[in-house]
PDB file of N, CA and C in Angstrom:
ATOM      1  N   MET A   1      21.359  77.025  90.719  1.00  0.00           N
ATOM      2  CA  MET A   1      22.684  77.603  90.865  1.00  0.00           C
ATOM      3  C   MET A   1      23.363  76.999  92.075  1.00  0.00           C
ATOM      4  N   LYS A   2      24.602  76.554  91.893  1.00  0.00           N
ATOM      5  CA  LYS A   2      25.351  75.935  92.954  1.00  0.00           C
ATOM      6  C   LYS A   2      25.863  77.034  93.940  1.00  0.00           C
ATOM      7  N   ASN A   3      25.883  76.744  95.195  1.00  0.00           N
ATOM      8  CA  ASN A   3      26.318  77.699  96.219  1.00  0.00           C
ATOM      9  C   ASN A   3      27.799  77.521  96.497  1.00  0.00           C
ATOM     10  N   ASP A   4      28.642  78.020  95.581  1.00  0.00           N
ATOM     11  CA  ASP A   4      30.084  77.991  95.793  1.00  0.00           C
ATOM     12  C   ASP A   4      30.509  79.187  96.621  1.00  0.00           C
ATOM     13  N   LEU A   5      31.510  78.965  97.470  1.00  0.00           N
ATOM     14  CA  LEU A   5      32.047  80.058  98.244  1.00  0.00           C
ATOM     15  C   LEU A   5      32.855  80.948  97.347  1.00  0.00           C
ATOM     16  N   LEU A   6      32.783  82.247  97.583  1.00  0.00           N
ATOM     17  CA  LEU A   6      33.561  83.193  96.828  1.00  0.00           C
ATOM     18  C   LEU A   6      34.922  83.398  97.540  1.00  0.00           C
ATOM     19  N   ILE A   7      35.782  82.414  97.330  1.00  0.00           N
ATOM     20  CA  ILE A   7      37.116  82.405  97.934  1.00  0.00           C
ATOM     21  C   ILE A   7      38.152  82.409  96.798  1.00  0.00           C
ATOM     22  N   ASN A   8      39.189  83.143  97.011  1.00  0.00           N
ATOM     23  CA  ASN A   8      40.288  83.203  96.042  1.00  0.00           C
ATOM     24  C   ASN A   8      40.746  81.807  95.687  1.00  0.00           C
ATOM     25  N   PRO A   9      40.942  81.512  94.394  1.00  0.00           N
ATOM     26  CA  PRO A   9      41.348  80.140  93.992  1.00  0.00           C
ATOM     27  C   PRO A   9      42.681  79.687  94.643  1.00  0.00           C
ATOM     28  N   GLU A  10      43.595  80.626  94.893  1.00  0.00           N
ATOM     29  CA  GLU A  10      44.860  80.292  95.536  1.00  0.00           C
ATOM     30  C   GLU A  10      44.633  79.821  96.956  1.00  0.00           C
ATOM     31  N   ILE A  11      43.724  80.468  97.661  1.00  0.00           N
ATOM     32  CA  ILE A  11      43.383  80.104  99.019  1.00  0.00           C
ATOM     33  C   ILE A  11      42.660  78.778  99.030  1.00  0.00           C
ATOM     34  N   LYS A  12      41.787  78.551  98.028  1.00  0.00           N
ATOM     35  CA  LYS A  12      41.104  77.262  97.929  1.00  0.00           C
ATOM     36  C   LYS A  12      42.105  76.131  97.738  1.00  0.00           C
ATOM     37  N   GLN A  13      43.133  76.377  96.945  1.00  0.00           N
ATOM     38  CA  GLN A  13      44.152  75.361  96.671  1.00  0.00           C
ATOM     39  C   GLN A  13      44.896  75.006  97.980  1.00  0.00           C
ATOM     40  N   ILE A  14      45.284  76.026  98.713  1.00  0.00           N
ATOM     41  CA  ILE A  14      45.943  75.800 100.020  1.00  0.00           C
ATOM     42  C   ILE A  14      45.014  75.063 100.983  1.00  0.00           C
ATOM     43  N   GLY A  15      43.728  75.479 101.013  1.00  0.00           N
ATOM     44  CA  GLY A  15      42.771  74.852 101.889  1.00  0.00           C
ATOM     45  C   GLY A  15      42.523  73.413 101.565  1.00  0.00           C
ATOM     46  N   TYR A  16      42.320  73.072 100.297  1.00  0.00           N
ATOM     47  CA  TYR A  16      42.116  71.685  99.884  1.00  0.00           C
ATOM     48  C   TYR A  16      43.315  70.844 100.157  1.00  0.00           C
ATOM     49  N   SER A  17      44.516  71.408 100.024  1.00  0.00           N
ATOM     50  CA  SER A  17      45.720  70.706 100.349  1.00  0.00           C
ATOM     51  C   SER A  17      45.764  70.372 101.846  1.00  0.00           C
ATOM     52  N   LEU A  18      45.343  71.326 102.691  1.00  0.00           N
ATOM     53  CA  LEU A  18      45.266  71.056 104.148  1.00  0.00           C
ATOM     54  C   LEU A  18      44.219  70.017 104.457  1.00  0.00           C
ATOM     55  N   ILE A  19      43.092  70.107 103.790  1.00  0.00           N
ATOM     56  CA  ILE A  19      42.002  69.109 103.993  1.00  0.00           C
ATOM     57  C   ILE A  19      42.521  67.703 103.720  1.00  0.00           C
ATOM     58  N   LEU A  20      43.265  67.557 102.620  1.00  0.00           N
ATOM     59  CA  LEU A  20      43.825  66.232 102.294  1.00  0.00           C
ATOM     60  C   LEU A  20      44.901  65.805 103.257  1.00  0.00           C
ATOM     61  N   ASP A  21      45.836  66.722 103.544  1.00  0.00           N
ATOM     62  CA  ASP A  21      46.973  66.392 104.428  1.00  0.00           C
ATOM     63  C   ASP A  21      46.498  66.007 105.831  1.00  0.00           C
ATOM     64  N   LEU A  22      45.447  66.743 106.332  1.00  0.00           N
ATOM     65  CA  LEU A  22      44.999  66.507 107.702  1.00  0.00           C
ATOM     66  C   LEU A  22      43.816  65.597 107.803  1.00  0.00           C
ATOM     67  N   ASN A  23      43.354  65.065 106.620  1.00  0.00           N
ATOM     68  CA  ASN A  23      42.242  64.134 106.555  1.00  0.00           C
ATOM     69  C   ASN A  23      41.012  64.693 107.280  1.00  0.00           C
ATOM     70  N   ILE A  24      40.642  65.929 106.913  1.00  0.00           N
ATOM     71  CA  ILE A  24      39.476  66.565 107.538  1.00  0.00           C
ATOM     72  C   ILE A  24      38.241  66.117 106.838  1.00  0.00           C
ATOM     73  N   GLN A  25      37.341  65.476 107.582  1.00  0.00           N
ATOM     74  CA  GLN A  25      36.099  64.980 107.022  1.00  0.00           C
ATOM     75  C   GLN A  25      35.117  66.126 106.866  1.00  0.00           C
ATOM     76  N   ASN A  26      34.263  66.019 105.852  1.00  0.00           N
ATOM     77  CA  ASN A  26      33.303  67.084 105.550  1.00  0.00           C
ATOM     78  C   ASN A  26      32.002  66.886 106.311  1.00  0.00           C
ATOM     79  N   GLU A  27      32.118  66.981 107.622  1.00  0.00           N
ATOM     80  CA  GLU A  27      30.987  66.873 108.536  1.00  0.00           C
ATOM     81  C   GLU A  27      30.755  68.250 109.151  1.00  0.00           C
ATOM     82  N   TYR A  28      30.105  68.284 110.277  1.00  0.00           N
ATOM     83  CA  TYR A  28      29.889  69.550 110.955  1.00  0.00           C
ATOM     84  C   TYR A  28      30.696  69.539 112.266  1.00  0.00           C
ATOM     85  N   GLY A  29      30.988  70.705 112.772  1.00  0.00           N
ATOM     86  CA  GLY A  29      31.641  70.861 114.098  1.00  0.00           C
ATOM     87  C   GLY A  29      32.849  71.800 114.066  1.00  0.00           C
ATOM     88  N   LEU A  30      33.570  71.822 112.965  1.00  0.00           N
ATOM     89  CA  LEU A  30      34.767  72.660 112.867  1.00  0.00           C
ATOM     90  C   LEU A  30      34.385  74.152 112.848  1.00  0.00           C
ATOM     91  N   SER A  31      33.258  74.477 112.307  1.00  0.00           N
ATOM     92  CA  SER A  31      32.858  75.892 112.182  1.00  0.00           C
ATOM     93  C   SER A  31      32.792  76.578 113.545  1.00  0.00           C
ATOM     94  N   LYS A  32      32.297  75.932 114.529  1.00  0.00           N
ATOM     95  CA  LYS A  32      32.208  76.532 115.889  1.00  0.00           C
ATOM     96  C   LYS A  32      33.610  76.809 116.446  1.00  0.00           C
ATOM     97  N   LEU A  33      34.512  75.820 116.263  1.00  0.00           N
ATOM     98  CA  LEU A  33      35.859  75.995 116.757  1.00  0.00           C
ATOM     99  C   LEU A  33      36.621  77.093 116.025  1.00  0.00           C
ATOM    100  N   LEU A  34      36.287  77.318 114.793  1.00  0.00           N
ATOM    101  CA  LEU A  34      37.008  78.349 113.962  1.00  0.00           C
ATOM    102  C   LEU A  34      36.239  79.689 113.941  1.00  0.00           C
ATOM    103  N   SER A  35      35.183  79.782 114.719  1.00  0.00           N
ATOM    104  CA  SER A  35      34.360  81.003 114.752  1.00  0.00           C
ATOM    105  C   SER A  35      33.838  81.381 113.420  1.00  0.00           C
ATOM    106  N   VAL A  36      33.305  80.388 112.724  1.00  0.00           N
ATOM    107  CA  VAL A  36      32.643  80.573 111.430  1.00  0.00           C
ATOM    108  C   VAL A  36      31.174  80.216 111.580  1.00  0.00           C
ATOM    109  N   ASN A  37      30.324  80.806 110.778  1.00  0.00           N
ATOM    110  CA  ASN A  37      28.921  80.526 110.877  1.00  0.00           C
ATOM    111  C   ASN A  37      28.656  79.019 110.936  1.00  0.00           C
ATOM    112  N   HIS A  38      27.853  78.576 111.879  1.00  0.00           N
ATOM    113  CA  HIS A  38      27.643  77.162 112.126  1.00  0.00           C
ATOM    114  C   HIS A  38      26.933  76.368 110.970  1.00  0.00           C
ATOM    115  N   CYS A  39      26.439  77.111 110.005  1.00  0.00           N
ATOM    116  CA  CYS A  39      25.769  76.425 108.883  1.00  0.00           C
ATOM    117  C   CYS A  39      26.782  75.776 107.933  1.00  0.00           C
ATOM    118  N   HIS A  40      28.038  76.094 108.062  1.00  0.00           N
ATOM    119  CA  HIS A  40      29.035  75.568 107.130  1.00  0.00           C
ATOM    120  C   HIS A  40      29.583  74.237 107.617  1.00  0.00           C
ATOM    121  N   ARG A  41      29.736  73.336 106.637  1.00  0.00           N
ATOM    122  CA  ARG A  41      30.391  72.061 106.900  1.00  0.00           C
ATOM    123  C   ARG A  41      31.885  72.308 107.008  1.00  0.00           C
ATOM    124  N   ASN A  42      32.601  71.291 107.508  1.00  0.00           N
ATOM    125  CA  ASN A  42      33.996  71.452 107.858  1.00  0.00           C
ATOM    126  C   ASN A  42      34.879  71.988 106.720  1.00  0.00           C
ATOM    127  N   HIS A  43      34.731  71.537 105.489  1.00  0.00           N
ATOM    128  CA  HIS A  43      35.587  71.972 104.391  1.00  0.00           C
ATOM    129  C   HIS A  43      35.362  73.466 104.122  1.00  0.00           C
ATOM    130  N   ASP A  44      34.093  73.877 104.030  1.00  0.00           N
ATOM    131  CA  ASP A  44      33.814  75.277 103.790  1.00  0.00           C
ATOM    132  C   ASP A  44      34.238  76.152 105.010  1.00  0.00           C
ATOM    133  N   ALA A  45      34.023  75.644 106.195  1.00  0.00           N
ATOM    134  CA  ALA A  45      34.465  76.382 107.401  1.00  0.00           C
ATOM    135  C   ALA A  45      35.952  76.625 107.372  1.00  0.00           C
ATOM    136  N   LEU A  46      36.745  75.618 106.981  1.00  0.00           N
ATOM    137  CA  LEU A  46      38.162  75.752 106.889  1.00  0.00           C
ATOM    138  C   LEU A  46      38.556  76.796 105.881  1.00  0.00           C
ATOM    139  N   LEU A  47      37.943  76.745 104.717  1.00  0.00           N
ATOM    140  CA  LEU A  47      38.222  77.742 103.672  1.00  0.00           C
ATOM    141  C   LEU A  47      37.909  79.123 104.090  1.00  0.00           C
ATOM    142  N   ILE A  48      36.808  79.360 104.767  1.00  0.00           N
ATOM    143  CA  ILE A  48      36.397  80.687 105.245  1.00  0.00           C
ATOM    144  C   ILE A  48      37.406  81.164 106.292  1.00  0.00           C
ATOM    145  N   TRP A  49      37.730  80.297 107.229  1.00  0.00           N
ATOM    146  CA  TRP A  49      38.722  80.622 108.271  1.00  0.00           C
ATOM    147  C   TRP A  49      40.079  80.960 107.642  1.00  0.00           C
ATOM    148  N   LEU A  50      40.503  80.147 106.713  1.00  0.00           N
ATOM    149  CA  LEU A  50      41.779  80.348 106.045  1.00  0.00           C
ATOM    150  C   LEU A  50      41.803  81.701 105.295  1.00  0.00           C
ATOM    151  N   ASP A  51      40.756  81.997 104.626  1.00  0.00           N
ATOM    152  CA  ASP A  51      40.646  83.267 103.927  1.00  0.00           C
ATOM    153  C   ASP A  51      40.822  84.433 104.922  1.00  0.00           C
ATOM    154  N   ARG A  52      40.148  84.291 106.044  1.00  0.00           N
ATOM    155  CA  ARG A  52      40.190  85.326 107.078  1.00  0.00           C
ATOM    156  C   ARG A  52      41.592  85.488 107.651  1.00  0.00           C
ATOM    157  N   ILE A  53      42.259  84.404 108.006  1.00  0.00           N
ATOM    158  CA  ILE A  53      43.562  84.560 108.657  1.00  0.00           C
ATOM    159  C   ILE A  53      44.625  85.024 107.678  1.00  0.00           C
ATOM    160  N   LEU A  54      44.507  84.613 106.399  1.00  0.00           N
ATOM    161  CA  LEU A  54      45.442  85.069 105.409  1.00  0.00           C
ATOM    162  C   LEU A  54      45.259  86.530 105.104  1.00  0.00           C
ATOM    163  N   GLU A  55      44.028  86.983 105.105  1.00  0.00           N
ATOM    164  CA  GLU A  55      43.698  88.393 104.869  1.00  0.00           C
ATOM    165  C   GLU A  55      44.220  89.238 106.014  1.00  0.00           C
ATOM    166  N   GLU A  56      44.077  88.770 107.227  1.00  0.00           N
ATOM    167  CA  GLU A  56      44.483  89.536 108.412  1.00  0.00           C
ATOM    168  C   GLU A  56      45.981  89.496 108.683  1.00  0.00           C
ATOM    169  N   SER A  57      46.664  88.569 108.120  1.00  0.00           N
ATOM    170  CA  SER A  57      48.110  88.426 108.361  1.00  0.00           C
ATOM    171  C   SER A  57      48.894  89.511 107.629  1.00  0.00           C
ATOM    172  N   ASP A  58      49.881  90.057 108.336  1.00  0.00           N
ATOM    173  CA  ASP A  58      50.707  91.089 107.693  1.00  0.00           C
ATOM    174  C   ASP A  58      51.889  90.472 106.949  1.00  0.00           C
ATOM    175  N   LYS A  59      51.967  89.163 106.927  1.00  0.00           N
ATOM    176  CA  LYS A  59      53.033  88.505 106.199  1.00  0.00           C
ATOM    177  C   LYS A  59      52.497  87.215 105.551  1.00  0.00           C
ATOM    178  N   LYS A  60      53.192  86.704 104.590  1.00  0.00           N
ATOM    179  CA  LYS A  60      52.797  85.444 103.975  1.00  0.00           C
ATOM    180  C   LYS A  60      53.046  84.301 104.943  1.00  0.00           C
ATOM    181  N   LEU A  61      52.066  83.513 105.255  1.00  0.00           N
ATOM    182  CA  LEU A  61      52.215  82.346 106.173  1.00  0.00           C
ATOM    183  C   LEU A  61      52.617  81.106 105.475  1.00  0.00           C
ATOM    184  N   THR A  62      53.511  80.357 106.099  1.00  0.00           N
ATOM    185  CA  THR A  62      53.846  79.055 105.538  1.00  0.00           C
ATOM    186  C   THR A  62      52.710  78.072 105.865  1.00  0.00           C
ATOM    187  N   LYS A  63      52.739  76.960 105.156  1.00  0.00           N
ATOM    188  CA  LYS A  63      51.751  75.925 105.416  1.00  0.00           C
ATOM    189  C   LYS A  63      51.820  75.455 106.843  1.00  0.00           C
ATOM    190  N   GLN A  64      53.023  75.303 107.422  1.00  0.00           N
ATOM    191  CA  GLN A  64      53.193  74.843 108.783  1.00  0.00           C
ATOM    192  C   GLN A  64      52.645  75.899 109.754  1.00  0.00           C
ATOM    193  N   GLU A  65      52.828  77.178 109.462  1.00  0.00           N
ATOM    194  CA  GLU A  65      52.300  78.222 110.352  1.00  0.00           C
ATOM    195  C   GLU A  65      50.770  78.186 110.328  1.00  0.00           C
ATOM    196  N   ILE A  66      50.203  77.941 109.158  1.00  0.00           N
ATOM    197  CA  ILE A  66      48.739  77.836 109.064  1.00  0.00           C
ATOM    198  C   ILE A  66      48.221  76.633 109.909  1.00  0.00           C
ATOM    199  N   ILE A  67      48.929  75.528 109.736  1.00  0.00           N
ATOM    200  CA  ILE A  67      48.543  74.298 110.522  1.00  0.00           C
ATOM    201  C   ILE A  67      48.651  74.567 112.017  1.00  0.00           C
ATOM    202  N   ASN A  68      49.705  75.270 112.419  1.00  0.00           N
ATOM    203  CA  ASN A  68      49.873  75.611 113.829  1.00  0.00           C
ATOM    204  C   ASN A  68      48.718  76.494 114.351  1.00  0.00           C
ATOM    205  N   LYS A  69      48.315  77.473 113.522  1.00  0.00           N
ATOM    206  CA  LYS A  69      47.163  78.344 113.902  1.00  0.00           C
ATOM    207  C   LYS A  69      45.891  77.517 114.001  1.00  0.00           C
ATOM    208  N   LEU A  70      45.723  76.577 113.063  1.00  0.00           N
ATOM    209  CA  LEU A  70      44.532  75.741 113.078  1.00  0.00           C
ATOM    210  C   LEU A  70      44.472  74.887 114.332  1.00  0.00           C
ATOM    211  N   PHE A  71      45.617  74.282 114.685  1.00  0.00           N
ATOM    212  CA  PHE A  71      45.689  73.415 115.906  1.00  0.00           C
ATOM    213  C   PHE A  71      45.496  74.214 117.207  1.00  0.00           C
ATOM    214  N   GLU A  72      45.805  75.539 117.167  1.00  0.00           N
ATOM    215  CA  GLU A  72      45.510  76.356 118.325  1.00  0.00           C
ATOM    216  C   GLU A  72      44.045  76.475 118.590  1.00  0.00           C
ATOM    217  N   LYS A  73      43.222  76.275 117.572  1.00  0.00           N
ATOM    218  CA  LYS A  73      41.779  76.407 117.699  1.00  0.00           C
ATOM    219  C   LYS A  73      41.092  75.082 118.084  1.00  0.00           C
ATOM    220  N   ILE A  74      41.788  73.952 117.918  1.00  0.00           N
ATOM    221  CA  ILE A  74      41.207  72.677 118.133  1.00  0.00           C
ATOM    222  C   ILE A  74      41.680  72.123 119.474  1.00  0.00           C
ATOM    223  N   PRO A  75      40.759  71.754 120.392  1.00  0.00           N
ATOM    224  CA  PRO A  75      41.157  71.177 121.669  1.00  0.00           C
ATOM    225  C   PRO A  75      41.956  69.927 121.444  1.00  0.00           C
ATOM    226  N   GLU A  76      42.956  69.720 122.284  1.00  0.00           N
ATOM    227  CA  GLU A  76      43.828  68.567 122.173  1.00  0.00           C
ATOM    228  C   GLU A  76      43.036  67.292 122.296  1.00  0.00           C
ATOM    229  N   SER A  77      41.986  67.277 123.069  1.00  0.00           N
ATOM    230  CA  SER A  77      41.167  66.059 123.232  1.00  0.00           C
ATOM    231  C   SER A  77      40.488  65.610 121.897  1.00  0.00           C
ATOM    232  N   MET A  78      40.394  66.538 120.933  1.00  0.00           N
ATOM    233  CA  MET A  78      39.740  66.253 119.678  1.00  0.00           C
ATOM    234  C   MET A  78      40.715  65.767 118.585  1.00  0.00           C
ATOM    235  N   MET A  79      42.000  65.885 118.877  1.00  0.00           N
ATOM    236  CA  MET A  79      43.002  65.536 117.850  1.00  0.00           C
ATOM    237  C   MET A  79      43.303  64.060 117.895  1.00  0.00           C
ATOM    238  N   ASN A  80      43.586  63.518 116.695  1.00  0.00           N
ATOM    239  CA  ASN A  80      44.004  62.119 116.617  1.00  0.00           C
ATOM    240  C   ASN A  80      45.455  62.045 116.964  1.00  0.00           C
ATOM    241  N   HIS A  81      45.735  61.143 117.933  1.00  0.00           N
ATOM    242  CA  HIS A  81      47.152  60.972 118.332  1.00  0.00           C
ATOM    243  C   HIS A  81      47.685  59.726 117.737  1.00  0.00           C
TER     244      HIS A  81
END
């Protein structure tokens, strides 16, 4: 049995769009920055984090607002300029 995350398909669609747009590699490291269990690779960590922030938000977030929240979690020294 495959270990798929139980994430809403709409959230997965947003998450995979972000992964493509931001060219997020499926390695390790993002989970710690996003306060997600360290066993998750970057793609799953992003989906779990995205599910959490969208659940906690009292309004519908735009893609740019989500990106801004993501960049708040990533040190500037780690971003590609």
